[in-house]
Amino acid sequence: MITRIFFFLIGFILMVIGFMYMMIYINLLSFGYTYLEYLIYIFTHYECVIAILGFIIVLFSLFGKGKTHVKCVRHHFKFVR
């Protein structure tokens, strides 16, 4: 459980950093770049690719199979009168 929380936080931090750079680089559109050139620029810089990596880590931490703890407990009660 602690490892899932740890990986969730790491993935979330990576996503925030990556999306922050994507928002900063959106200013390229005001310099005359097209949307296609902007997307190519985003996917070729590692600062923005870590957002995708962070998203994958978050998905695995949320939906990944964890350890299943199945305990079979049998109670043998003795009824005393």
PDB file of N, CA and C in Angstrom:
ATOM      1  N   MET A   1       0.817  -1.186   0.000  1.00  0.00           N
ATOM      2  CA  MET A   1       0.000   0.000   0.000  1.00  0.00           C
ATOM      3  C   MET A   1       0.870   1.263   0.000  1.00  0.00           C
ATOM      4  N   ILE A   2       1.915   1.236   0.786  1.00  0.00           N
ATOM      5  CA  ILE A   2       2.807   2.401   0.843  1.00  0.00           C
ATOM      6  C   ILE A   2       3.509   2.580  -0.494  1.00  0.00           C
ATOM      7  N   THR A   3       3.871   1.488  -1.152  1.00  0.00           N
ATOM      8  CA  THR A   3       4.557   1.614  -2.443  1.00  0.00           C
ATOM      9  C   THR A   3       3.626   2.188  -3.502  1.00  0.00           C
ATOM     10  N   ARG A   4       2.348   1.842  -3.439  1.00  0.00           N
ATOM     11  CA  ARG A   4       1.394   2.401  -4.396  1.00  0.00           C
ATOM     12  C   ARG A   4       1.240   3.903  -4.195  1.00  0.00           C
ATOM     13  N   ILE A   5       1.196   4.329  -2.946  1.00  0.00           N
ATOM     14  CA  ILE A   5       1.103   5.764  -2.652  1.00  0.00           C
ATOM     15  C   ILE A   5       2.367   6.473  -3.117  1.00  0.00           C
ATOM     16  N   PHE A   6       3.526   5.838  -2.876  1.00  0.00           N
ATOM     17  CA  PHE A   6       4.802   6.418  -3.306  1.00  0.00           C
ATOM     18  C   PHE A   6       4.831   6.587  -4.825  1.00  0.00           C
ATOM     19  N   PHE A   7       4.459   5.542  -5.570  1.00  0.00           N
ATOM     20  CA  PHE A   7       4.470   5.629  -7.023  1.00  0.00           C
ATOM     21  C   PHE A   7       3.418   6.604  -7.541  1.00  0.00           C
ATOM     22  N   PHE A   8       2.280   6.699  -6.846  1.00  0.00           N
ATOM     23  CA  PHE A   8       1.279   7.677  -7.238  1.00  0.00           C
ATOM     24  C   PHE A   8       1.830   9.094  -7.103  1.00  0.00           C
ATOM     25  N   LEU A   9       2.495   9.372  -5.992  1.00  0.00           N
ATOM     26  CA  LEU A   9       3.052  10.707  -5.783  1.00  0.00           C
ATOM     27  C   LEU A   9       4.157  11.019  -6.781  1.00  0.00           C
ATOM     28  N   ILE A  10       5.027  10.051  -7.056  1.00  0.00           N
ATOM     29  CA  ILE A  10       6.090  10.261  -8.037  1.00  0.00           C
ATOM     30  C   ILE A  10       5.485  10.527  -9.421  1.00  0.00           C
ATOM     31  N   GLY A  11       4.498   9.747  -9.808  1.00  0.00           N
ATOM     32  CA  GLY A  11       3.842   9.940 -11.100  1.00  0.00           C
ATOM     33  C   GLY A  11       3.134  11.275 -11.177  1.00  0.00           C
ATOM     34  N   PHE A  12       2.498  11.664 -10.089  1.00  0.00           N
ATOM     35  CA  PHE A  12       1.799  12.943 -10.070  1.00  0.00           C
ATOM     36  C   PHE A  12       2.783  14.107 -10.200  1.00  0.00           C
ATOM     37  N   ILE A  13       3.907  14.028  -9.516  1.00  0.00           N
ATOM     38  CA  ILE A  13       4.929  15.080  -9.606  1.00  0.00           C
ATOM     39  C   ILE A  13       5.481  15.166 -11.023  1.00  0.00           C
ATOM     40  N   LEU A  14       5.747  14.019 -11.644  1.00  0.00           N
ATOM     41  CA  LEU A  14       6.232  14.024 -13.024  1.00  0.00           C
ATOM     42  C   LEU A  14       5.197  14.619 -13.978  1.00  0.00           C
ATOM     43  N   MET A  15       3.919  14.309 -13.758  1.00  0.00           N
ATOM     44  CA  MET A  15       2.880  14.886 -14.606  1.00  0.00           C
ATOM     45  C   MET A  15       2.804  16.397 -14.449  1.00  0.00           C
ATOM     46  N   VAL A  16       2.915  16.869 -13.234  1.00  0.00           N
ATOM     47  CA  VAL A  16       2.839  18.312 -13.003  1.00  0.00           C
ATOM     48  C   VAL A  16       4.002  19.023 -13.681  1.00  0.00           C
ATOM     49  N   ILE A  17       5.193  18.465 -13.565  1.00  0.00           N
ATOM     50  CA  ILE A  17       6.357  19.076 -14.207  1.00  0.00           C
ATOM     51  C   ILE A  17       6.201  19.075 -15.724  1.00  0.00           C
ATOM     52  N   GLY A  18       5.786  17.958 -16.279  1.00  0.00           N
ATOM     53  CA  GLY A  18       5.626  17.863 -17.724  1.00  0.00           C
ATOM     54  C   GLY A  18       4.560  18.792 -18.260  1.00  0.00           C
ATOM     55  N   PHE A  19       3.411  18.855 -17.586  1.00  0.00           N
ATOM     56  CA  PHE A  19       2.344  19.733 -18.052  1.00  0.00           C
ATOM     57  C   PHE A  19       2.699  21.211 -17.855  1.00  0.00           C
ATOM     58  N   MET A  20       3.516  21.497 -16.847  1.00  0.00           N
ATOM     59  CA  MET A  20       3.971  22.871 -16.665  1.00  0.00           C
ATOM     60  C   MET A  20       4.807  23.307 -17.863  1.00  0.00           C
ATOM     61  N   TYR A  21       5.713  22.439 -18.312  1.00  0.00           N
ATOM     62  CA  TYR A  21       6.515  22.766 -19.487  1.00  0.00           C
ATOM     63  C   TYR A  21       5.654  22.865 -20.743  1.00  0.00           C
ATOM     64  N   MET A  22       4.634  22.013 -20.856  1.00  0.00           N
ATOM     65  CA  MET A  22       3.743  22.115 -22.014  1.00  0.00           C
ATOM     66  C   MET A  22       3.017  23.447 -22.036  1.00  0.00           C
ATOM     67  N   MET A  23       2.616  23.926 -20.868  1.00  0.00           N
ATOM     68  CA  MET A  23       1.939  25.218 -20.810  1.00  0.00           C
ATOM     69  C   MET A  23       2.901  26.358 -21.109  1.00  0.00           C
ATOM     70  N   ILE A  24       4.134  26.221 -20.701  1.00  0.00           N
ATOM     71  CA  ILE A  24       5.124  27.255 -21.015  1.00  0.00           C
ATOM     72  C   ILE A  24       5.404  27.269 -22.512  1.00  0.00           C
ATOM     73  N   TYR A  25       5.526  26.086 -23.100  1.00  0.00           N
ATOM     74  CA  TYR A  25       5.838  26.001 -24.524  1.00  0.00           C
ATOM     75  C   TYR A  25       4.653  26.366 -25.419  1.00  0.00           C
ATOM     76  N   ILE A  26       3.456  26.515 -24.843  1.00  0.00           N
ATOM     77  CA  ILE A  26       2.318  26.906 -25.669  1.00  0.00           C
ATOM     78  C   ILE A  26       2.497  28.328 -26.192  1.00  0.00           C
ATOM     79  N   ASN A  27       3.413  29.079 -25.606  1.00  0.00           N
ATOM     80  CA  ASN A  27       3.722  30.420 -26.108  1.00  0.00           C
ATOM     81  C   ASN A  27       4.352  30.372 -27.494  1.00  0.00           C
ATOM     82  N   LEU A  28       4.816  29.207 -27.917  1.00  0.00           N
ATOM     83  CA  LEU A  28       5.369  29.087 -29.264  1.00  0.00           C
ATOM     84  C   LEU A  28       4.322  29.359 -30.331  1.00  0.00           C
ATOM     85  N   LEU A  29       3.058  29.119 -29.985  1.00  0.00           N
ATOM     86  CA  LEU A  29       1.992  29.379 -30.960  1.00  0.00           C
ATOM     87  C   LEU A  29       1.883  30.867 -31.280  1.00  0.00           C
ATOM     88  N   SER A  30       2.223  31.703 -30.308  1.00  0.00           N
ATOM     89  CA  SER A  30       2.158  33.142 -30.579  1.00  0.00           C
ATOM     90  C   SER A  30       3.336  33.619 -31.441  1.00  0.00           C
ATOM     91  N   PHE A  31       4.377  32.795 -31.552  1.00  0.00           N
ATOM     92  CA  PHE A  31       5.516  33.143 -32.403  1.00  0.00           C
ATOM     93  C   PHE A  31       5.332  32.669 -33.837  1.00  0.00           C
ATOM     94  N   GLY A  32       4.197  32.053 -34.151  1.00  0.00           N
ATOM     95  CA  GLY A  32       3.926  31.658 -35.524  1.00  0.00           C
ATOM     96  C   GLY A  32       4.027  30.167 -35.779  1.00  0.00           C
ATOM     97  N   TYR A  33       4.253  29.361 -34.752  1.00  0.00           N
ATOM     98  CA  TYR A  33       4.272  27.915 -34.937  1.00  0.00           C
ATOM     99  C   TYR A  33       2.852  27.421 -35.191  1.00  0.00           C
ATOM    100  N   THR A  34       2.725  26.353 -35.976  1.00  0.00           N
ATOM    101  CA  THR A  34       1.417  25.729 -36.178  1.00  0.00           C
ATOM    102  C   THR A  34       1.199  24.701 -35.071  1.00  0.00           C
ATOM    103  N   TYR A  35      -0.015  24.183 -34.994  1.00  0.00           N
ATOM    104  CA  TYR A  35      -0.314  23.179 -33.969  1.00  0.00           C
ATOM    105  C   TYR A  35       0.495  21.904 -34.183  1.00  0.00           C
ATOM    106  N   LEU A  36       0.709  21.529 -35.429  1.00  0.00           N
ATOM    107  CA  LEU A  36       1.488  20.329 -35.721  1.00  0.00           C
ATOM    108  C   LEU A  36       2.943  20.519 -35.296  1.00  0.00           C
ATOM    109  N   GLU A  37       3.503  21.677 -35.585  1.00  0.00           N
ATOM    110  CA  GLU A  37       4.873  21.952 -35.157  1.00  0.00           C
ATOM    111  C   GLU A  37       4.981  22.001 -33.641  1.00  0.00           C
ATOM    112  N   TYR A  38       3.946  22.513 -32.994  1.00  0.00           N
ATOM    113  CA  TYR A  38       3.914  22.536 -31.529  1.00  0.00           C
ATOM    114  C   TYR A  38       3.900  21.123 -30.966  1.00  0.00           C
ATOM    115  N   LEU A  39       3.073  20.247 -31.524  1.00  0.00           N
ATOM    116  CA  LEU A  39       3.008  18.865 -31.040  1.00  0.00           C
ATOM    117  C   LEU A  39       4.315  18.124 -31.287  1.00  0.00           C
ATOM    118  N   ILE A  40       4.929  18.355 -32.437  1.00  0.00           N
ATOM    119  CA  ILE A  40       6.221  17.727 -32.715  1.00  0.00           C
ATOM    120  C   ILE A  40       7.260  18.224 -31.714  1.00  0.00           C
ATOM    121  N   TYR A  41       7.233  19.509 -31.428  1.00  0.00           N
ATOM    122  CA  TYR A  41       8.155  20.079 -30.453  1.00  0.00           C
ATOM    123  C   TYR A  41       7.934  19.476 -29.069  1.00  0.00           C
ATOM    124  N   ILE A  42       6.676  19.308 -28.687  1.00  0.00           N
ATOM    125  CA  ILE A  42       6.348  18.747 -27.367  1.00  0.00           C
ATOM    126  C   ILE A  42       6.834  17.312 -27.247  1.00  0.00           C
ATOM    127  N   PHE A  43       6.593  16.499 -28.261  1.00  0.00           N
ATOM    128  CA  PHE A  43       6.930  15.084 -28.165  1.00  0.00           C
ATOM    129  C   PHE A  43       8.405  14.788 -28.392  1.00  0.00           C
ATOM    130  N   THR A  44       9.189  15.792 -28.761  1.00  0.00           N
ATOM    131  CA  THR A  44      10.624  15.564 -28.944  1.00  0.00           C
ATOM    132  C   THR A  44      11.463  16.107 -27.801  1.00  0.00           C
ATOM    133  N   HIS A  45      10.847  16.738 -26.809  1.00  0.00           N
ATOM    134  CA  HIS A  45      11.594  17.234 -25.663  1.00  0.00           C
ATOM    135  C   HIS A  45      11.250  16.406 -24.437  1.00  0.00           C
ATOM    136  N   TYR A  46      12.292  15.990 -23.731  1.00  0.00           N
ATOM    137  CA  TYR A  46      12.087  15.066 -22.619  1.00  0.00           C
ATOM    138  C   TYR A  46      11.336  15.719 -21.467  1.00  0.00           C
ATOM    139  N   GLU A  47      11.369  17.041 -21.355  1.00  0.00           N
ATOM    140  CA  GLU A  47      10.646  17.697 -20.268  1.00  0.00           C
ATOM    141  C   GLU A  47       9.144  17.448 -20.381  1.00  0.00           C
ATOM    142  N   CYS A  48       8.660  17.324 -21.586  1.00  0.00           N
ATOM    143  CA  CYS A  48       7.238  17.110 -21.800  1.00  0.00           C
ATOM    144  C   CYS A  48       6.886  15.633 -21.861  1.00  0.00           C
ATOM    145  N   VAL A  49       7.836  14.818 -22.255  1.00  0.00           N
ATOM    146  CA  VAL A  49       7.585  13.378 -22.336  1.00  0.00           C
ATOM    147  C   VAL A  49       7.434  12.781 -20.937  1.00  0.00           C
ATOM    148  N   ILE A  50       8.036  13.420 -19.926  1.00  0.00           N
ATOM    149  CA  ILE A  50       7.893  12.880 -18.578  1.00  0.00           C
ATOM    150  C   ILE A  50       6.457  13.014 -18.067  1.00  0.00           C
ATOM    151  N   ALA A  51       5.660  13.873 -18.680  1.00  0.00           N
ATOM    152  CA  ALA A  51       4.239  13.943 -18.315  1.00  0.00           C
ATOM    153  C   ALA A  51       3.543  12.640 -18.706  1.00  0.00           C
ATOM    154  N   ILE A  52       3.880  12.117 -19.857  1.00  0.00           N
ATOM    155  CA  ILE A  52       3.295  10.844 -20.301  1.00  0.00           C
ATOM    156  C   ILE A  52       3.777   9.705 -19.404  1.00  0.00           C
ATOM    157  N   LEU A  53       5.059   9.727 -19.063  1.00  0.00           N
ATOM    158  CA  LEU A  53       5.601   8.721 -18.151  1.00  0.00           C
ATOM    159  C   LEU A  53       4.924   8.794 -16.785  1.00  0.00           C
ATOM    160  N   GLY A  54       4.734  10.004 -16.278  1.00  0.00           N
ATOM    161  CA  GLY A  54       4.044  10.179 -15.004  1.00  0.00           C
ATOM    162  C   GLY A  54       2.613   9.689 -15.055  1.00  0.00           C
ATOM    163  N   PHE A  55       1.939   9.924 -16.181  1.00  0.00           N
ATOM    164  CA  PHE A  55       0.564   9.454 -16.339  1.00  0.00           C
ATOM    165  C   PHE A  55       0.504   7.932 -16.323  1.00  0.00           C
ATOM    166  N   ILE A  56       1.451   7.285 -16.960  1.00  0.00           N
ATOM    167  CA  ILE A  56       1.494   5.816 -16.968  1.00  0.00           C
ATOM    168  C   ILE A  56       1.762   5.277 -15.571  1.00  0.00           C
ATOM    169  N   ILE A  57       2.662   5.918 -14.839  1.00  0.00           N
ATOM    170  CA  ILE A  57       2.951   5.483 -13.467  1.00  0.00           C
ATOM    171  C   ILE A  57       1.714   5.633 -12.588  1.00  0.00           C
ATOM    172  N   VAL A  58       0.991   6.743 -12.740  1.00  0.00           N
ATOM    173  CA  VAL A  58      -0.232   6.942 -11.956  1.00  0.00           C
ATOM    174  C   VAL A  58      -1.268   5.885 -12.299  1.00  0.00           C
ATOM    175  N   LEU A  59      -1.416   5.569 -13.578  1.00  0.00           N
ATOM    176  CA  LEU A  59      -2.379   4.533 -13.963  1.00  0.00           C
ATOM    177  C   LEU A  59      -2.030   3.180 -13.365  1.00  0.00           C
ATOM    178  N   PHE A  60      -0.744   2.824 -13.400  1.00  0.00           N
ATOM    179  CA  PHE A  60      -0.345   1.542 -12.820  1.00  0.00           C
ATOM    180  C   PHE A  60      -0.514   1.534 -11.305  1.00  0.00           C
ATOM    181  N   SER A  61      -0.290   2.661 -10.663  1.00  0.00           N
ATOM    182  CA  SER A  61      -0.457   2.683  -9.214  1.00  0.00           C
ATOM    183  C   SER A  61      -1.930   2.623  -8.817  1.00  0.00           C
ATOM    184  N   LEU A  62      -2.805   3.136  -9.662  1.00  0.00           N
ATOM    185  CA  LEU A  62      -4.229   3.098  -9.332  1.00  0.00           C
ATOM    186  C   LEU A  62      -4.891   1.780  -9.718  1.00  0.00           C
ATOM    187  N   PHE A  63      -4.572   1.294 -10.916  1.00  0.00           N
ATOM    188  CA  PHE A  63      -5.300   0.135 -11.436  1.00  0.00           C
ATOM    189  C   PHE A  63      -4.465  -1.144 -11.487  1.00  0.00           C
ATOM    190  N   GLY A  64      -3.241  -1.103 -11.033  1.00  0.00           N
ATOM    191  CA  GLY A  64      -2.408  -2.300 -11.034  1.00  0.00           C
ATOM    192  C   GLY A  64      -2.863  -3.280  -9.981  1.00  0.00           C
ATOM    193  N   LYS A  65      -2.591  -4.533 -10.254  1.00  0.00           N
ATOM    194  CA  LYS A  65      -2.957  -5.558  -9.282  1.00  0.00           C
ATOM    195  C   LYS A  65      -1.965  -5.527  -8.130  1.00  0.00           C
ATOM    196  N   GLY A  66      -2.486  -5.431  -6.975  1.00  0.00           N
ATOM    197  CA  GLY A  66      -1.655  -5.470  -5.786  1.00  0.00           C
ATOM    198  C   GLY A  66      -1.696  -6.859  -5.179  1.00  0.00           C
ATOM    199  N   LYS A  67      -1.093  -6.983  -4.043  1.00  0.00           N
ATOM    200  CA  LYS A  67      -1.146  -8.263  -3.345  1.00  0.00           C
ATOM    201  C   LYS A  67      -2.552  -8.464  -2.796  1.00  0.00           C
ATOM    202  N   THR A  68      -3.043  -9.654  -2.966  1.00  0.00           N
ATOM    203  CA  THR A  68      -4.353  -9.957  -2.406  1.00  0.00           C
ATOM    204  C   THR A  68      -4.130 -10.730  -1.116  1.00  0.00           C
ATOM    205  N   HIS A  69      -4.657 -10.177  -0.076  1.00  0.00           N
ATOM    206  CA  HIS A  69      -4.521 -10.803   1.231  1.00  0.00           C
ATOM    207  C   HIS A  69      -5.829 -11.519   1.546  1.00  0.00           C
ATOM    208  N   VAL A  70      -5.801 -12.810   1.374  1.00  0.00           N
ATOM    209  CA  VAL A  70      -6.989 -13.602   1.649  1.00  0.00           C
ATOM    210  C   VAL A  70      -6.696 -14.444   2.866  1.00  0.00           C
ATOM    211  N   LYS A  71      -7.465 -14.193   3.869  1.00  0.00           N
ATOM    212  CA  LYS A  71      -7.293 -14.968   5.098  1.00  0.00           C
ATOM    213  C   LYS A  71      -8.569 -15.745   5.343  1.00  0.00           C
ATOM    214  N   CYS A  72      -8.398 -16.997   5.525  1.00  0.00           N
ATOM    215  CA  CYS A  72      -9.534 -17.858   5.813  1.00  0.00           C
ATOM    216  C   CYS A  72      -9.579 -18.063   7.323  1.00  0.00           C
ATOM    217  N   VAL A  73     -10.548 -17.475   7.926  1.00  0.00           N
ATOM    218  CA  VAL A  73     -10.667 -17.548   9.382  1.00  0.00           C
ATOM    219  C   VAL A  73     -11.886 -18.402   9.703  1.00  0.00           C
ATOM    220  N   ARG A  74     -11.627 -19.425  10.472  1.00  0.00           N
ATOM    221  CA  ARG A  74     -12.723 -20.292  10.913  1.00  0.00           C
ATOM    222  C   ARG A  74     -12.838 -20.173  12.422  1.00  0.00           C
ATOM    223  N   HIS A  75     -14.031 -19.907  12.834  1.00  0.00           N
ATOM    224  CA  HIS A  75     -14.271 -19.785  14.267  1.00  0.00           C
ATOM    225  C   HIS A  75     -14.954 -21.053  14.749  1.00  0.00           C
ATOM    226  N   HIS A  76     -14.398 -21.614  15.768  1.00  0.00           N
ATOM    227  CA  HIS A  76     -15.009 -22.784  16.398  1.00  0.00           C
ATOM    228  C   HIS A  76     -15.495 -22.327  17.766  1.00  0.00           C
ATOM    229  N   PHE A  77     -16.764 -22.090  17.827  1.00  0.00           N
ATOM    230  CA  PHE A  77     -17.338 -21.625  19.082  1.00  0.00           C
ATOM    231  C   PHE A  77     -17.870 -22.825  19.854  1.00  0.00           C
ATOM    232  N   LYS A  78     -17.647 -22.776  21.135  1.00  0.00           N
ATOM    233  CA  LYS A  78     -18.192 -23.771  22.021  1.00  0.00           C
ATOM    234  C   LYS A  78     -19.267 -23.095  22.826  1.00  0.00           C
ATOM    235  N   PHE A  79     -20.469 -23.533  22.635  1.00  0.00           N
ATOM    236  CA  PHE A  79     -21.565 -22.932  23.359  1.00  0.00           C
ATOM    237  C   PHE A  79     -21.688 -23.631  24.709  1.00  0.00           C
ATOM    238  N   VAL A  80     -21.550 -22.860  25.725  1.00  0.00           N
ATOM    239  CA  VAL A  80     -21.599 -23.419  27.082  1.00  0.00           C
ATOM    240  C   VAL A  80     -22.906 -22.953  27.727  1.00  0.00           C
ATOM    241  N   ARG A  81     -23.589 -23.901  28.360  1.00  0.00           N
ATOM    242  CA  ARG A  81     -24.823 -23.568  29.080  1.00  0.00           C
ATOM    243  C   ARG A  81     -24.579 -23.490  30.525  1.00  0.00           C
TER     244      ARG A  81
END
